[in-house]
């Protein structure tokens, strides 16, 4: 599984992961959005199983340790299922 990166506006990236097993036969694309700024923001964390692919894609743009904000539109597994994986260990 790989996550594609597309710059959709200056400093705003869509991270897209296609999963063919979801909603066959067409499949489904899960998206997260990264806003590069002094304090980078990730909108949506995606499903827990997407975390490795999304993190790998994010690492191509920034050091994940510099990610300052995580936000989401609502509470569902596809929006924030990997939230605890992004947070530093206490």
C-alpha atoms as a PDB file:
ATOM      1  CA  UNK A   1       0.000   0.000   0.000  1.00  0.00           C
ATOM      2  CA  UNK A   2       1.381   3.377  -0.952  1.00  0.00           C
ATOM      3  CA  UNK A   3       0.163   6.893  -0.417  1.00  0.00           C
ATOM      4  CA  UNK A   4       0.346   9.387  -3.247  1.00  0.00           C
ATOM      5  CA  UNK A   5       1.341  13.029  -2.710  1.00  0.00           C
ATOM      6  CA  UNK A   6      -0.140  15.874  -4.731  1.00  0.00           C
ATOM      7  CA  UNK A   7       0.419  19.570  -4.099  1.00  0.00           C
ATOM      8  CA  UNK A   8      -3.079  20.969  -4.618  1.00  0.00           C
ATOM      9  CA  UNK A   9      -2.198  24.583  -3.741  1.00  0.00           C
ATOM     10  CA  UNK A  10       0.953  26.343  -2.650  1.00  0.00           C
ATOM     11  CA  UNK A  11       2.100  24.505   0.489  1.00  0.00           C
ATOM     12  CA  UNK A  12      -1.027  22.321   0.713  1.00  0.00           C
ATOM     13  CA  UNK A  13      -0.674  18.623  -0.062  1.00  0.00           C
ATOM     14  CA  UNK A  14      -3.225  15.842  -0.477  1.00  0.00           C
ATOM     15  CA  UNK A  15      -2.037  12.437   0.714  1.00  0.00           C
ATOM     16  CA  UNK A  16      -4.168   9.807  -1.070  1.00  0.00           C
ATOM     17  CA  UNK A  17      -4.246   6.078  -0.396  1.00  0.00           C
ATOM     18  CA  UNK A  18      -6.246   3.868  -2.767  1.00  0.00           C
ATOM     19  CA  UNK A  19      -7.727   0.715  -1.195  1.00  0.00           C
ATOM     20  CA  UNK A  20      -9.290  -1.564  -3.829  1.00  0.00           C
ATOM     21  CA  UNK A  21     -10.909  -3.851  -1.210  1.00  0.00           C
ATOM     22  CA  UNK A  22     -13.165  -1.046   0.063  1.00  0.00           C
ATOM     23  CA  UNK A  23     -16.345  -0.553  -1.989  1.00  0.00           C
ATOM     24  CA  UNK A  24     -15.491  -2.985  -4.799  1.00  0.00           C
ATOM     25  CA  UNK A  25     -15.287  -3.015  -7.708  1.00  0.00           C
ATOM     26  CA  UNK A  26     -14.276   0.647  -7.844  1.00  0.00           C
ATOM     27  CA  UNK A  27     -12.315   0.782  -4.577  1.00  0.00           C
ATOM     28  CA  UNK A  28     -11.994   3.851  -2.362  1.00  0.00           C
ATOM     29  CA  UNK A  29      -9.454   6.623  -1.871  1.00  0.00           C
ATOM     30  CA  UNK A  30      -8.715   7.884   1.641  1.00  0.00           C
ATOM     31  CA  UNK A  31      -7.305  11.405   1.807  1.00  0.00           C
ATOM     32  CA  UNK A  32      -5.409  13.426   4.359  1.00  0.00           C
ATOM     33  CA  UNK A  33      -4.244  17.001   3.884  1.00  0.00           C
ATOM     34  CA  UNK A  34      -0.974  18.537   5.018  1.00  0.00           C
ATOM     35  CA  UNK A  35      -0.598  22.283   5.314  1.00  0.00           C
ATOM     36  CA  UNK A  36       3.041  23.314   5.373  1.00  0.00           C
ATOM     37  CA  UNK A  37       3.519  26.384   7.540  1.00  0.00           C
ATOM     38  CA  UNK A  38       5.569  27.521  10.511  1.00  0.00           C
ATOM     39  CA  UNK A  39       3.408  25.066  12.469  1.00  0.00           C
ATOM     40  CA  UNK A  40       2.451  22.267  10.017  1.00  0.00           C
ATOM     41  CA  UNK A  41      -1.083  20.857  10.236  1.00  0.00           C
ATOM     42  CA  UNK A  42      -2.341  17.405   9.223  1.00  0.00           C
ATOM     43  CA  UNK A  43      -6.087  17.244   8.519  1.00  0.00           C
ATOM     44  CA  UNK A  44      -7.373  13.692   9.067  1.00  0.00           C
ATOM     45  CA  UNK A  45      -5.156  10.851  10.249  1.00  0.00           C
ATOM     46  CA  UNK A  46      -6.891   8.081   8.335  1.00  0.00           C
ATOM     47  CA  UNK A  47      -7.593   4.498   9.354  1.00  0.00           C
ATOM     48  CA  UNK A  48      -5.161   2.878  11.766  1.00  0.00           C
ATOM     49  CA  UNK A  49      -3.941   0.426   9.087  1.00  0.00           C
ATOM     50  CA  UNK A  50      -3.097   3.351   6.772  1.00  0.00           C
ATOM     51  CA  UNK A  51      -0.680   4.873   9.282  1.00  0.00           C
ATOM     52  CA  UNK A  52       2.576   3.373   7.893  1.00  0.00           C
ATOM     53  CA  UNK A  53       1.824   4.464   4.318  1.00  0.00           C
ATOM     54  CA  UNK A  54       0.632   7.937   5.325  1.00  0.00           C
ATOM     55  CA  UNK A  55       3.614   8.460   7.616  1.00  0.00           C
ATOM     56  CA  UNK A  56       6.011   7.371   4.840  1.00  0.00           C
ATOM     57  CA  UNK A  57       4.413   9.892   2.476  1.00  0.00           C
ATOM     58  CA  UNK A  58       4.517  12.644   5.074  1.00  0.00           C
ATOM     59  CA  UNK A  59       8.214  11.936   5.694  1.00  0.00           C
ATOM     60  CA  UNK A  60       8.885  12.773   2.052  1.00  0.00           C
ATOM     61  CA  UNK A  61       7.768  16.331   2.834  1.00  0.00           C
ATOM     62  CA  UNK A  62       8.645  17.022   6.480  1.00  0.00           C
ATOM     63  CA  UNK A  63      10.074  15.412   9.588  1.00  0.00           C
ATOM     64  CA  UNK A  64       6.960  14.043  11.353  1.00  0.00           C
ATOM     65  CA  UNK A  65       8.361  15.336  14.650  1.00  0.00           C
ATOM     66  CA  UNK A  66       7.788  18.876  13.353  1.00  0.00           C
ATOM     67  CA  UNK A  67       4.062  18.254  12.857  1.00  0.00           C
ATOM     68  CA  UNK A  68       2.423  20.737  15.229  1.00  0.00           C
ATOM     69  CA  UNK A  69      -1.315  20.296  14.664  1.00  0.00           C
ATOM     70  CA  UNK A  70      -3.661  17.410  13.868  1.00  0.00           C
ATOM     71  CA  UNK A  71      -7.290  18.148  13.064  1.00  0.00           C
ATOM     72  CA  UNK A  72     -10.288  16.284  11.691  1.00  0.00           C
ATOM     73  CA  UNK A  73     -13.796  17.006  10.532  1.00  0.00           C
ATOM     74  CA  UNK A  74     -15.650  14.480  12.686  1.00  0.00           C
ATOM     75  CA  UNK A  75     -15.095  11.348  14.777  1.00  0.00           C
ATOM     76  CA  UNK A  76     -15.052   8.245  12.584  1.00  0.00           C
ATOM     77  CA  UNK A  77     -12.368   5.650  12.003  1.00  0.00           C
ATOM     78  CA  UNK A  78     -11.514   6.932   8.533  1.00  0.00           C
ATOM     79  CA  UNK A  79     -11.005  10.446   9.889  1.00  0.00           C
ATOM     80  CA  UNK A  80      -9.104   9.872  13.120  1.00  0.00           C
ATOM     81  CA  UNK A  81      -8.484   6.120  13.518  1.00  0.00           C
ATOM     82  CA  UNK A  82      -4.701   6.573  13.587  1.00  0.00           C
ATOM     83  CA  UNK A  83      -4.751   9.588  15.915  1.00  0.00           C
ATOM     84  CA  UNK A  84      -2.983   7.870  18.814  1.00  0.00           C
ATOM     85  CA  UNK A  85      -0.209   6.685  16.494  1.00  0.00           C
ATOM     86  CA  UNK A  86       0.727  10.295  15.627  1.00  0.00           C
ATOM     87  CA  UNK A  87       0.988  11.393  19.232  1.00  0.00           C
ATOM     88  CA  UNK A  88       4.380  11.121  20.971  1.00  0.00           C
ATOM     89  CA  UNK A  89       4.724   8.529  23.699  1.00  0.00           C
ATOM     90  CA  UNK A  90       4.183   9.945  27.164  1.00  0.00           C
END
